[in-house]
Amino acid sequence: MHIVHVDIRVKPESVPRFLDLVAVNRIHSLREPGITAFDLYRDAADPHLFLLFEVYRSPEDHEEHRKTTHYLEFRSQVQDCVDGTYGVRRFTPMFED
């Protein structure tokens, strides 16, 4: 299991477009055999801060995702929505039941 958190601050005027772009990317991403979860969360205190929560079967599946056409299109289109940089954190589970 390989978990990715992406913190993204979105320009206020770009929130609707950002949500549309993530929704399309999510649909295609969930069709990939190596992805088990792909969700978006909005910060309760800051409506312009979002968390992408992605779960992959392996780090290799994450790398394969980053080569897909839909990811590359998302990546190029979402840049105009982002307010500054975004943070990416990767996690591995400590317990596997």
N, C-alpha and C. Protein backbone atom coordinates (compact mmCIF):
# COMPACT_ATOMS: atom_id res chain seq x y z
N MET A 1 0.85 -1.18 0.00
CA MET A 1 0.00 0.00 0.00
C MET A 1 0.89 1.24 0.00
N HIS A 2 0.48 2.23 -0.77
CA HIS A 2 1.23 3.49 -0.90
C HIS A 2 0.21 4.63 -0.88
N ILE A 3 0.36 5.53 0.08
CA ILE A 3 -0.62 6.60 0.27
C ILE A 3 0.04 7.94 -0.05
N VAL A 4 -0.68 8.78 -0.79
CA VAL A 4 -0.18 10.09 -1.17
C VAL A 4 -1.17 11.15 -0.72
N HIS A 5 -0.65 12.16 -0.02
CA HIS A 5 -1.44 13.35 0.36
C HIS A 5 -0.86 14.52 -0.42
N VAL A 6 -1.73 15.28 -1.08
CA VAL A 6 -1.30 16.47 -1.80
C VAL A 6 -2.10 17.65 -1.25
N ASP A 7 -1.42 18.58 -0.59
CA ASP A 7 -2.04 19.80 -0.09
C ASP A 7 -1.98 20.85 -1.19
N ILE A 8 -3.14 21.40 -1.56
CA ILE A 8 -3.20 22.36 -2.66
C ILE A 8 -3.98 23.60 -2.21
N ARG A 9 -3.34 24.74 -2.31
CA ARG A 9 -4.04 26.02 -2.07
C ARG A 9 -4.49 26.53 -3.44
N VAL A 10 -5.80 26.80 -3.54
CA VAL A 10 -6.40 27.19 -4.81
C VAL A 10 -6.79 28.67 -4.77
N LYS A 11 -6.55 29.35 -5.88
CA LYS A 11 -6.96 30.75 -5.99
C LYS A 11 -8.48 30.82 -5.82
N PRO A 12 -8.99 31.79 -5.08
CA PRO A 12 -10.44 31.86 -4.83
C PRO A 12 -11.27 31.82 -6.10
N GLU A 13 -10.85 32.54 -7.12
CA GLU A 13 -11.62 32.58 -8.36
C GLU A 13 -11.51 31.29 -9.18
N SER A 14 -10.58 30.42 -8.82
CA SER A 14 -10.35 29.18 -9.56
C SER A 14 -10.96 27.95 -8.93
N VAL A 15 -11.60 28.09 -7.79
CA VAL A 15 -12.14 26.91 -7.09
C VAL A 15 -13.10 26.11 -7.98
N PRO A 16 -14.08 26.72 -8.66
CA PRO A 16 -14.99 25.91 -9.49
C PRO A 16 -14.25 25.12 -10.58
N ARG A 17 -13.31 25.76 -11.26
CA ARG A 17 -12.55 25.05 -12.30
C ARG A 17 -11.71 23.94 -11.69
N PHE A 18 -11.08 24.21 -10.57
CA PHE A 18 -10.28 23.21 -9.88
C PHE A 18 -11.13 21.97 -9.55
N LEU A 19 -12.30 22.20 -9.00
CA LEU A 19 -13.18 21.07 -8.65
C LEU A 19 -13.57 20.26 -9.88
N ASP A 20 -13.84 20.94 -10.99
CA ASP A 20 -14.16 20.23 -12.23
C ASP A 20 -12.98 19.39 -12.72
N LEU A 21 -11.78 19.98 -12.68
CA LEU A 21 -10.59 19.25 -13.12
C LEU A 21 -10.31 18.03 -12.26
N VAL A 22 -10.45 18.18 -10.96
CA VAL A 22 -10.23 17.04 -10.06
C VAL A 22 -11.28 15.96 -10.29
N ALA A 23 -12.52 16.37 -10.51
CA ALA A 23 -13.59 15.38 -10.72
C ALA A 23 -13.31 14.51 -11.95
N VAL A 24 -12.86 15.13 -13.03
CA VAL A 24 -12.54 14.36 -14.25
C VAL A 24 -11.33 13.46 -14.00
N ASN A 25 -10.30 13.99 -13.37
CA ASN A 25 -9.12 13.19 -13.07
C ASN A 25 -9.47 12.02 -12.17
N ARG A 26 -10.35 12.24 -11.22
CA ARG A 26 -10.76 11.19 -10.28
C ARG A 26 -11.46 10.04 -11.01
N ILE A 27 -12.36 10.38 -11.91
CA ILE A 27 -13.09 9.35 -12.67
C ILE A 27 -12.11 8.43 -13.39
N HIS A 28 -11.16 9.03 -14.09
CA HIS A 28 -10.18 8.23 -14.84
C HIS A 28 -9.22 7.49 -13.91
N SER A 29 -8.82 8.14 -12.83
CA SER A 29 -7.87 7.51 -11.91
C SER A 29 -8.45 6.27 -11.25
N LEU A 30 -9.71 6.32 -10.88
CA LEU A 30 -10.33 5.17 -10.21
C LEU A 30 -10.51 3.98 -11.14
N ARG A 31 -10.33 4.18 -12.44
CA ARG A 31 -10.37 3.07 -13.41
C ARG A 31 -9.04 2.35 -13.50
N GLU A 32 -8.00 2.94 -12.94
CA GLU A 32 -6.68 2.31 -12.96
C GLU A 32 -6.66 1.15 -11.96
N PRO A 33 -6.13 0.00 -12.35
CA PRO A 33 -6.14 -1.16 -11.44
C PRO A 33 -5.29 -0.95 -10.18
N GLY A 34 -4.31 -0.05 -10.22
CA GLY A 34 -3.43 0.14 -9.08
C GLY A 34 -3.90 1.17 -8.07
N ILE A 35 -5.06 1.79 -8.31
CA ILE A 35 -5.57 2.81 -7.39
C ILE A 35 -6.78 2.26 -6.65
N THR A 36 -6.75 2.36 -5.32
CA THR A 36 -7.88 1.88 -4.52
C THR A 36 -8.72 3.01 -3.95
N ALA A 37 -8.16 4.23 -3.90
CA ALA A 37 -8.93 5.39 -3.41
C ALA A 37 -8.35 6.65 -4.02
N PHE A 38 -9.24 7.59 -4.31
CA PHE A 38 -8.82 8.88 -4.87
C PHE A 38 -9.89 9.88 -4.45
N ASP A 39 -9.61 10.64 -3.40
CA ASP A 39 -10.62 11.52 -2.83
C ASP A 39 -10.08 12.93 -2.64
N LEU A 40 -10.99 13.88 -2.56
CA LEU A 40 -10.65 15.28 -2.35
C LEU A 40 -11.37 15.78 -1.11
N TYR A 41 -10.64 16.50 -0.26
CA TYR A 41 -11.20 17.06 0.97
C TYR A 41 -10.90 18.55 0.99
N ARG A 42 -11.84 19.31 1.56
CA ARG A 42 -11.67 20.76 1.71
C ARG A 42 -11.46 21.06 3.19
N ASP A 43 -10.50 21.91 3.48
CA ASP A 43 -10.20 22.30 4.84
C ASP A 43 -11.42 23.00 5.45
N ALA A 44 -11.81 22.62 6.64
CA ALA A 44 -12.99 23.17 7.30
C ALA A 44 -12.80 24.64 7.67
N ALA A 45 -11.58 25.08 7.91
CA ALA A 45 -11.32 26.45 8.32
C ALA A 45 -10.86 27.35 7.17
N ASP A 46 -10.41 26.75 6.09
CA ASP A 46 -9.87 27.51 4.96
C ASP A 46 -10.45 26.95 3.66
N PRO A 47 -11.45 27.62 3.07
CA PRO A 47 -12.14 27.06 1.90
C PRO A 47 -11.30 27.03 0.63
N HIS A 48 -10.08 27.53 0.68
CA HIS A 48 -9.21 27.50 -0.49
C HIS A 48 -8.09 26.48 -0.37
N LEU A 49 -8.10 25.72 0.71
CA LEU A 49 -7.10 24.69 0.93
C LEU A 49 -7.75 23.32 0.78
N PHE A 50 -7.14 22.49 -0.07
CA PHE A 50 -7.70 21.17 -0.37
C PHE A 50 -6.64 20.10 -0.13
N LEU A 51 -7.11 18.89 0.13
CA LEU A 51 -6.25 17.72 0.29
C LEU A 51 -6.70 16.66 -0.70
N LEU A 52 -5.80 16.27 -1.59
CA LEU A 52 -6.02 15.09 -2.42
C LEU A 52 -5.49 13.90 -1.65
N PHE A 53 -6.30 12.89 -1.50
CA PHE A 53 -5.94 11.68 -0.75
C PHE A 53 -5.99 10.53 -1.74
N GLU A 54 -4.84 9.94 -2.02
CA GLU A 54 -4.74 8.89 -3.02
C GLU A 54 -4.14 7.64 -2.39
N VAL A 55 -4.72 6.48 -2.70
CA VAL A 55 -4.19 5.22 -2.19
C VAL A 55 -3.90 4.31 -3.38
N TYR A 56 -2.66 3.85 -3.43
CA TYR A 56 -2.19 2.97 -4.50
C TYR A 56 -1.82 1.62 -3.90
N ARG A 57 -1.86 0.60 -4.72
CA ARG A 57 -1.48 -0.73 -4.26
C ARG A 57 0.04 -0.80 -4.00
N SER A 58 0.80 0.01 -4.75
CA SER A 58 2.26 0.00 -4.59
C SER A 58 2.83 1.33 -5.07
N PRO A 59 4.08 1.64 -4.70
CA PRO A 59 4.72 2.84 -5.23
C PRO A 59 4.83 2.80 -6.76
N GLU A 60 5.00 1.62 -7.32
CA GLU A 60 5.07 1.48 -8.78
C GLU A 60 3.75 1.87 -9.44
N ASP A 61 2.63 1.55 -8.79
CA ASP A 61 1.33 1.95 -9.33
C ASP A 61 1.19 3.48 -9.33
N HIS A 62 1.75 4.12 -8.31
CA HIS A 62 1.74 5.58 -8.28
C HIS A 62 2.56 6.14 -9.45
N GLU A 63 3.71 5.56 -9.71
CA GLU A 63 4.53 6.00 -10.83
C GLU A 63 3.81 5.78 -12.17
N GLU A 64 3.11 4.68 -12.30
CA GLU A 64 2.35 4.42 -13.53
C GLU A 64 1.24 5.45 -13.70
N HIS A 65 0.58 5.80 -12.61
CA HIS A 65 -0.47 6.82 -12.65
C HIS A 65 0.08 8.14 -13.19
N ARG A 66 1.27 8.49 -12.78
CA ARG A 66 1.87 9.77 -13.19
C ARG A 66 2.25 9.81 -14.67
N LYS A 67 2.16 8.68 -15.35
CA LYS A 67 2.45 8.60 -16.79
C LYS A 67 1.18 8.62 -17.64
N THR A 68 0.01 8.53 -17.01
CA THR A 68 -1.23 8.44 -17.77
C THR A 68 -1.56 9.76 -18.45
N THR A 69 -2.27 9.67 -19.56
CA THR A 69 -2.69 10.86 -20.30
C THR A 69 -3.57 11.75 -19.44
N HIS A 70 -4.50 11.17 -18.71
CA HIS A 70 -5.42 11.99 -17.91
C HIS A 70 -4.69 12.72 -16.80
N TYR A 71 -3.69 12.09 -16.18
CA TYR A 71 -2.92 12.77 -15.15
C TYR A 71 -2.11 13.92 -15.75
N LEU A 72 -1.45 13.67 -16.87
CA LEU A 72 -0.63 14.71 -17.50
C LEU A 72 -1.48 15.90 -17.93
N GLU A 73 -2.68 15.63 -18.45
CA GLU A 73 -3.59 16.72 -18.81
C GLU A 73 -4.03 17.48 -17.56
N PHE A 74 -4.40 16.75 -16.52
CA PHE A 74 -4.79 17.39 -15.26
C PHE A 74 -3.66 18.28 -14.75
N ARG A 75 -2.49 17.73 -14.72
CA ARG A 75 -1.33 18.45 -14.18
C ARG A 75 -1.09 19.77 -14.92
N SER A 76 -1.19 19.73 -16.24
CA SER A 76 -0.94 20.96 -17.01
C SER A 76 -2.07 21.97 -16.84
N GLN A 77 -3.30 21.51 -16.72
CA GLN A 77 -4.45 22.41 -16.61
C GLN A 77 -4.62 22.99 -15.22
N VAL A 78 -4.27 22.24 -14.19
CA VAL A 78 -4.52 22.67 -12.81
C VAL A 78 -3.54 23.75 -12.35
N GLN A 79 -2.42 23.87 -13.02
CA GLN A 79 -1.40 24.83 -12.60
C GLN A 79 -1.94 26.25 -12.49
N ASP A 80 -2.85 26.62 -13.39
CA ASP A 80 -3.42 27.97 -13.35
C ASP A 80 -4.34 28.19 -12.15
N CYS A 81 -4.79 27.12 -11.53
CA CYS A 81 -5.69 27.22 -10.38
C CYS A 81 -4.94 27.33 -9.05
N VAL A 82 -3.71 26.88 -9.04
CA VAL A 82 -2.95 26.78 -7.80
C VAL A 82 -2.40 28.13 -7.38
N ASP A 83 -2.54 28.42 -6.11
CA ASP A 83 -2.02 29.66 -5.52
C ASP A 83 -0.72 29.34 -4.78
N GLY A 84 0.39 29.38 -5.49
CA GLY A 84 1.67 29.05 -4.88
C GLY A 84 2.02 27.59 -5.11
N THR A 85 2.84 27.08 -4.23
CA THR A 85 3.28 25.69 -4.36
C THR A 85 2.32 24.78 -3.60
N TYR A 86 2.45 23.51 -3.82
CA TYR A 86 1.66 22.55 -3.07
C TYR A 86 2.58 21.49 -2.48
N GLY A 87 2.11 20.89 -1.40
CA GLY A 87 2.93 19.91 -0.69
C GLY A 87 2.49 18.50 -0.98
N VAL A 88 3.46 17.63 -1.20
CA VAL A 88 3.18 16.21 -1.45
C VAL A 88 3.87 15.40 -0.36
N ARG A 89 3.10 14.52 0.27
CA ARG A 89 3.65 13.61 1.28
C ARG A 89 3.26 12.20 0.90
N ARG A 90 4.19 11.28 1.09
CA ARG A 90 3.95 9.86 0.77
C ARG A 90 4.06 9.05 2.06
N PHE A 91 3.15 8.09 2.19
CA PHE A 91 3.10 7.28 3.41
C PHE A 91 3.04 5.80 3.05
N THR A 92 3.56 4.98 3.95
CA THR A 92 3.40 3.54 3.87
C THR A 92 2.76 3.08 5.17
N PRO A 93 1.90 2.08 5.12
CA PRO A 93 1.23 1.64 6.35
C PRO A 93 2.19 0.95 7.31
N MET A 94 1.92 1.13 8.58
CA MET A 94 2.73 0.49 9.61
C MET A 94 2.16 -0.86 10.02
N PHE A 95 0.86 -1.02 9.83
CA PHE A 95 0.19 -2.29 10.13
C PHE A 95 -0.56 -2.75 8.91
N GLU A 96 -0.41 -3.97 8.53
CA GLU A 96 -1.15 -4.52 7.41
C GLU A 96 -1.88 -5.75 7.91
N ASP A 97 -3.17 -5.57 8.18
CA ASP A 97 -3.98 -6.68 8.69
C ASP A 97 -4.53 -7.50 7.56
